[in-house]
Amino acid sequence: MKKYNIIIERDELIYIKNILKVSNQGQPLNFKLLDNIFTTALHEPERREDIFDSYSHNQFKAKSLLVNNLDKLNLLNKETEVVIFGCWYGSILIPLLHDKVKKITAIDLDDQAITIGHNRLFYNDDKVDWITADIFDDYRDMYDTADIFINTSCEHMLPMNEWGVINKERGMEYKNPWWTRVKPAHFAFTSNNMIDIPGHINCVNSIEMFKGQLPPAAEVLVEDEIEDERGTRYLLIGKL
């Protein structure tokens, strides 16, 4: 039992360090997000492990690499509007993007994750819009003005080249492919080869296989691979 407790304490120390990194980014320490996370874990005990997992070292490493590359491409500024597909709780991406952009729209199928993100972790933040939805169900107004589409959950859903295409097997038929309706924009997508994780219905085995799931006419600007103990994450950033 002592060994188990030591492991838990070590893991939670990693979570705390990562939370502080995304909260402060070189600024004086701000404990608001940290307080919100531990208060949420107390009041949502069935989500405690999942919330902390959203701040794990692997999550932090992958999402930080994505945002750092967007920064290097000079794509983040005070006029940038970002849409996040499969946002989960927004744990890392929202703090990393928040002060760099104009607007963030966070969309996820999991209503409880959206509620926790909206009402607990990032309460009363008018820069972030939270939506519970299947991104394949409806085309939304914010897609018309989005500058960057981020999806770090590609392994959880249909390939991005099927977003808005005619798909008779799903009983859907659209007049116009959705990627052709958005304004010229950029994308930042990640997937992985971790087929044994529940909910991973669309893993890829290589960066080339991942490229094959990109929207038509997508131009890749950045590609990278990130190793963790469970497998490999693949990152693609480019133009639409």
Protein backbone atom coordinates (compact mmCIF):
# COMPACT_ATOMS: atom_id res chain seq x y z
CA MET A 1 0.00 0.00 0.00
CA LYS A 2 2.84 2.42 0.76
CA LYS A 3 4.34 1.83 -2.69
CA TYR A 4 0.96 2.58 -4.31
CA ASN A 5 0.62 5.83 -2.37
CA ILE A 6 4.11 6.95 -3.41
CA ILE A 7 3.29 6.34 -7.07
CA ILE A 8 0.10 8.35 -6.80
CA GLU A 9 1.91 11.22 -5.12
CA ARG A 10 4.61 11.24 -7.79
CA ASP A 11 2.05 11.26 -10.60
CA GLU A 12 0.08 14.07 -8.98
CA LEU A 13 3.27 16.12 -8.66
CA ILE A 14 3.71 15.82 -12.45
CA TYR A 15 0.12 16.94 -12.97
CA ILE A 16 0.63 19.95 -10.71
CA LYS A 17 3.83 20.97 -12.52
CA ASN A 18 2.14 20.73 -15.90
CA ILE A 19 -0.90 22.68 -14.67
CA LEU A 20 1.38 25.45 -13.42
CA LYS A 21 3.29 25.52 -16.72
CA VAL A 22 0.17 26.07 -18.83
CA SER A 23 -1.31 28.48 -16.29
CA ASN A 24 1.61 30.85 -15.99
CA GLN A 25 4.00 30.65 -18.98
CA GLY A 26 6.73 32.74 -17.40
CA GLN A 27 4.35 35.06 -15.55
CA PRO A 28 3.91 35.36 -11.76
CA LEU A 29 2.18 32.27 -10.37
CA ASN A 30 -1.59 32.20 -10.75
CA PHE A 31 -3.25 29.44 -8.75
CA LYS A 32 -6.78 29.95 -10.10
CA LEU A 33 -6.70 27.02 -12.53
CA LEU A 34 -5.00 24.81 -9.97
CA ASP A 35 -7.70 25.60 -7.41
CA ASN A 36 -10.42 24.95 -9.99
CA ILE A 37 -8.96 21.58 -10.94
CA PHE A 38 -8.69 20.25 -7.40
CA THR A 39 -12.11 21.64 -6.47
CA THR A 40 -13.57 19.90 -9.51
CA ALA A 41 -11.83 16.63 -8.62
CA LEU A 42 -13.39 16.89 -5.16
CA HIS A 43 -16.91 17.52 -6.45
CA GLU A 44 -16.70 15.19 -9.47
CA PRO A 45 -15.00 12.11 -7.93
CA GLU A 46 -16.00 9.83 -10.79
CA ARG A 47 -14.09 12.13 -13.15
CA ARG A 48 -11.07 12.67 -10.90
CA GLU A 49 -8.72 10.27 -12.70
CA ASP A 50 -9.88 11.44 -16.12
CA ILE A 51 -9.37 15.12 -15.24
CA PHE A 52 -5.86 14.50 -13.98
CA ASP A 53 -5.10 12.36 -17.03
CA SER A 54 -5.96 15.36 -19.20
CA TYR A 55 -2.91 17.06 -17.61
CA SER A 56 -0.57 14.08 -17.94
CA HIS A 57 2.98 14.47 -19.21
CA ASN A 58 2.07 12.88 -22.55
CA GLN A 59 -0.89 15.23 -23.06
CA PHE A 60 1.20 18.24 -22.10
CA LYS A 61 4.07 17.28 -24.40
CA ALA A 62 1.86 16.69 -27.46
CA LYS A 63 -0.33 19.77 -27.09
CA SER A 64 2.61 22.04 -26.26
CA LEU A 65 4.38 20.88 -29.41
CA LEU A 66 1.26 21.70 -31.44
CA VAL A 67 0.90 25.22 -30.03
CA ASN A 68 4.65 25.91 -30.27
CA ASN A 69 4.57 25.03 -33.96
CA LEU A 70 1.56 27.29 -34.56
CA ASP A 71 3.57 30.05 -32.87
CA LYS A 72 6.60 29.38 -35.07
CA LEU A 73 4.37 29.74 -38.13
CA ASN A 74 3.11 33.10 -36.76
CA LEU A 75 -0.49 31.87 -36.89
CA LEU A 76 -1.56 33.00 -33.42
CA ASN A 77 -2.50 36.62 -32.81
CA LYS A 78 -5.20 38.77 -31.24
CA GLU A 79 -7.43 38.39 -34.33
CA THR A 80 -7.18 34.59 -34.56
CA GLU A 81 -10.33 32.51 -34.09
CA VAL A 82 -9.76 28.87 -33.18
CA VAL A 83 -12.15 25.91 -33.30
CA ILE A 84 -11.19 22.81 -31.31
CA PHE A 85 -12.79 19.50 -32.33
CA GLY A 86 -12.93 16.90 -29.54
CA CYS A 87 -11.81 19.41 -26.92
CA TRP A 88 -12.32 17.12 -23.85
CA TYR A 89 -12.03 19.51 -20.87
CA GLY A 90 -9.85 21.99 -22.78
CA SER A 91 -7.32 21.37 -20.03
CA ILE A 92 -4.08 22.26 -21.80
CA LEU A 93 -5.01 23.78 -25.15
CA ILE A 94 -7.23 26.51 -23.72
CA PRO A 95 -4.63 27.92 -21.28
CA LEU A 96 -1.90 27.70 -23.94
CA LEU A 97 -4.01 29.48 -26.57
CA HIS A 98 -6.08 31.81 -24.40
CA ASP A 99 -3.90 34.92 -24.27
CA LYS A 100 -2.66 34.50 -27.84
CA VAL A 101 -5.98 34.49 -29.74
CA LYS A 102 -9.27 36.35 -30.07
CA LYS A 103 -11.79 33.50 -29.72
CA ILE A 104 -11.88 29.77 -28.95
CA THR A 105 -14.79 27.46 -29.74
CA ALA A 106 -14.51 24.14 -27.89
CA ILE A 107 -16.66 21.24 -29.14
CA ASP A 108 -17.02 17.73 -27.75
CA LEU A 109 -19.56 14.90 -27.69
CA ASP A 110 -19.12 14.43 -23.94
CA ASP A 111 -21.62 16.78 -22.28
CA GLN A 112 -20.14 16.27 -18.81
CA ALA A 113 -16.66 17.18 -20.05
CA ILE A 114 -18.07 20.31 -21.68
CA THR A 115 -19.97 21.21 -18.49
CA ILE A 116 -16.85 20.74 -16.35
CA GLY A 117 -14.73 22.81 -18.71
CA HIS A 118 -17.33 25.56 -18.95
CA ASN A 119 -18.64 25.74 -15.38
CA ARG A 120 -15.69 24.62 -13.30
CA LEU A 121 -12.23 24.74 -14.92
CA PHE A 122 -12.72 27.91 -17.01
CA TYR A 123 -15.75 29.45 -15.36
CA ASN A 124 -17.00 32.84 -16.59
CA ASP A 125 -14.53 33.12 -19.48
CA ASP A 126 -16.23 34.93 -22.34
CA LYS A 127 -13.38 34.21 -24.76
CA VAL A 128 -14.35 30.51 -24.90
CA ASP A 129 -17.59 29.11 -26.32
CA TRP A 130 -18.45 25.55 -25.25
CA ILE A 131 -20.62 23.29 -27.41
CA THR A 132 -21.78 19.72 -26.84
CA ALA A 133 -22.10 18.22 -30.31
CA ASP A 134 -20.99 15.67 -32.87
CA ILE A 135 -18.93 17.74 -35.30
CA PHE A 136 -20.19 15.59 -38.17
CA ASP A 137 -23.84 16.42 -37.54
CA ASP A 138 -24.07 20.12 -38.38
CA TYR A 139 -22.15 22.88 -40.09
CA ARG A 140 -21.90 25.83 -37.69
CA ASP A 141 -21.53 29.58 -38.18
CA MET A 142 -18.19 29.77 -36.38
CA TYR A 143 -16.64 27.54 -39.05
CA ASP A 144 -17.06 30.41 -41.53
CA THR A 145 -14.78 32.70 -39.51
CA ALA A 146 -12.35 30.17 -38.02
CA ASP A 147 -8.68 30.75 -38.77
CA ILE A 148 -7.43 27.48 -37.28
CA PHE A 149 -9.12 24.11 -36.85
CA ILE A 150 -7.49 22.01 -34.12
CA ASN A 151 -8.24 18.33 -33.59
CA THR A 152 -6.11 16.40 -31.10
CA SER A 153 -8.73 13.62 -31.00
CA CYS A 154 -8.61 12.32 -34.58
CA GLU A 155 -8.27 8.75 -33.29
CA HIS A 156 -11.71 9.09 -31.66
CA MET A 157 -13.69 9.93 -34.80
CA LEU A 158 -14.07 9.53 -38.54
CA PRO A 159 -11.17 10.79 -40.69
CA MET A 160 -11.10 14.53 -41.25
CA ASN A 161 -11.48 14.04 -45.01
CA GLU A 162 -14.98 12.72 -44.25
CA TRP A 163 -16.05 15.91 -42.46
CA GLY A 164 -18.95 17.07 -44.57
CA VAL A 165 -18.56 14.69 -47.50
CA ILE A 166 -21.41 12.58 -48.85
CA ASN A 167 -21.57 9.52 -46.62
CA LYS A 168 -24.58 7.41 -47.46
CA GLU A 169 -23.59 4.69 -44.99
CA ARG A 170 -24.18 7.17 -42.16
CA GLY A 171 -27.40 8.39 -43.75
CA MET A 172 -25.90 11.80 -44.49
CA GLU A 173 -25.73 13.78 -47.71
CA TYR A 174 -24.41 17.34 -47.90
CA LYS A 175 -24.83 19.75 -50.80
CA ASN A 176 -21.36 21.27 -50.34
CA PRO A 177 -18.28 19.59 -48.82
CA TRP A 178 -17.63 21.47 -45.60
CA TRP A 179 -13.89 21.96 -46.07
CA THR A 180 -14.67 23.92 -49.24
CA ARG A 181 -17.06 26.17 -47.31
CA VAL A 182 -14.63 27.39 -44.66
CA LYS A 183 -12.53 30.46 -45.43
CA PRO A 184 -8.83 29.90 -46.17
CA ALA A 185 -7.63 28.56 -42.85
CA HIS A 186 -5.04 26.35 -41.17
CA PHE A 187 -5.35 23.03 -39.41
CA ALA A 188 -3.47 21.29 -36.60
CA PHE A 189 -4.37 17.61 -36.20
CA THR A 190 -2.95 14.80 -34.08
CA SER A 191 -3.63 11.07 -34.08
CA ASN A 192 -1.80 8.00 -32.78
CA ASN A 193 -1.25 4.26 -33.15
CA MET A 194 -2.60 3.34 -29.68
CA ILE A 195 -5.26 0.86 -30.81
CA ASP A 196 -5.72 -0.74 -27.38
CA ILE A 197 -7.13 2.39 -25.70
CA PRO A 198 -10.95 2.42 -25.36
CA GLY A 199 -12.61 4.90 -27.69
CA HIS A 200 -9.79 4.86 -30.23
CA ILE A 201 -11.73 3.89 -33.35
CA ASN A 202 -9.52 5.45 -36.03
CA CYS A 203 -5.84 5.02 -35.15
CA VAL A 204 -3.11 5.30 -37.78
CA ASN A 205 0.16 3.39 -38.02
CA SER A 206 2.32 6.08 -39.63
CA ILE A 207 2.49 9.76 -40.49
CA GLU A 208 1.89 8.84 -44.13
CA MET A 209 -1.29 6.98 -43.23
CA PHE A 210 -2.39 10.04 -41.26
CA LYS A 211 -1.75 12.29 -44.26
CA GLY A 212 -4.14 10.09 -46.21
CA GLN A 213 -6.93 11.21 -43.86
CA LEU A 214 -6.43 14.93 -44.49
CA PRO A 215 -9.08 17.06 -46.21
CA PRO A 216 -8.77 17.41 -50.00
CA ALA A 217 -6.13 19.91 -51.16
CA ALA A 218 -4.63 20.24 -47.66
CA GLU A 219 -1.02 21.45 -47.75
CA VAL A 220 1.20 20.11 -44.96
CA LEU A 221 3.57 22.66 -43.41
CA VAL A 222 4.70 20.74 -40.31
CA GLU A 223 4.82 17.02 -39.57
CA ASP A 224 6.20 15.45 -36.42
CA GLU A 225 6.08 12.33 -34.26
CA ILE A 226 6.01 12.19 -30.46
CA GLU A 227 6.83 9.04 -28.55
CA ASP A 228 5.27 8.09 -25.23
CA GLU A 229 5.16 4.83 -23.30
CA ARG A 230 1.99 3.64 -25.05
CA GLY A 231 2.92 4.33 -28.67
CA THR A 232 3.46 7.19 -31.12
CA ARG A 233 1.50 10.39 -31.62
CA TYR A 234 1.49 12.01 -35.06
CA LEU A 235 1.20 15.76 -35.65
CA LEU A 236 0.23 17.47 -38.91
CA ILE A 237 -0.13 21.25 -39.34
CA GLY A 238 -0.98 22.89 -42.61
CA LYS A 239 -3.18 25.03 -44.86
CA LEU A 240 -6.71 24.37 -46.03
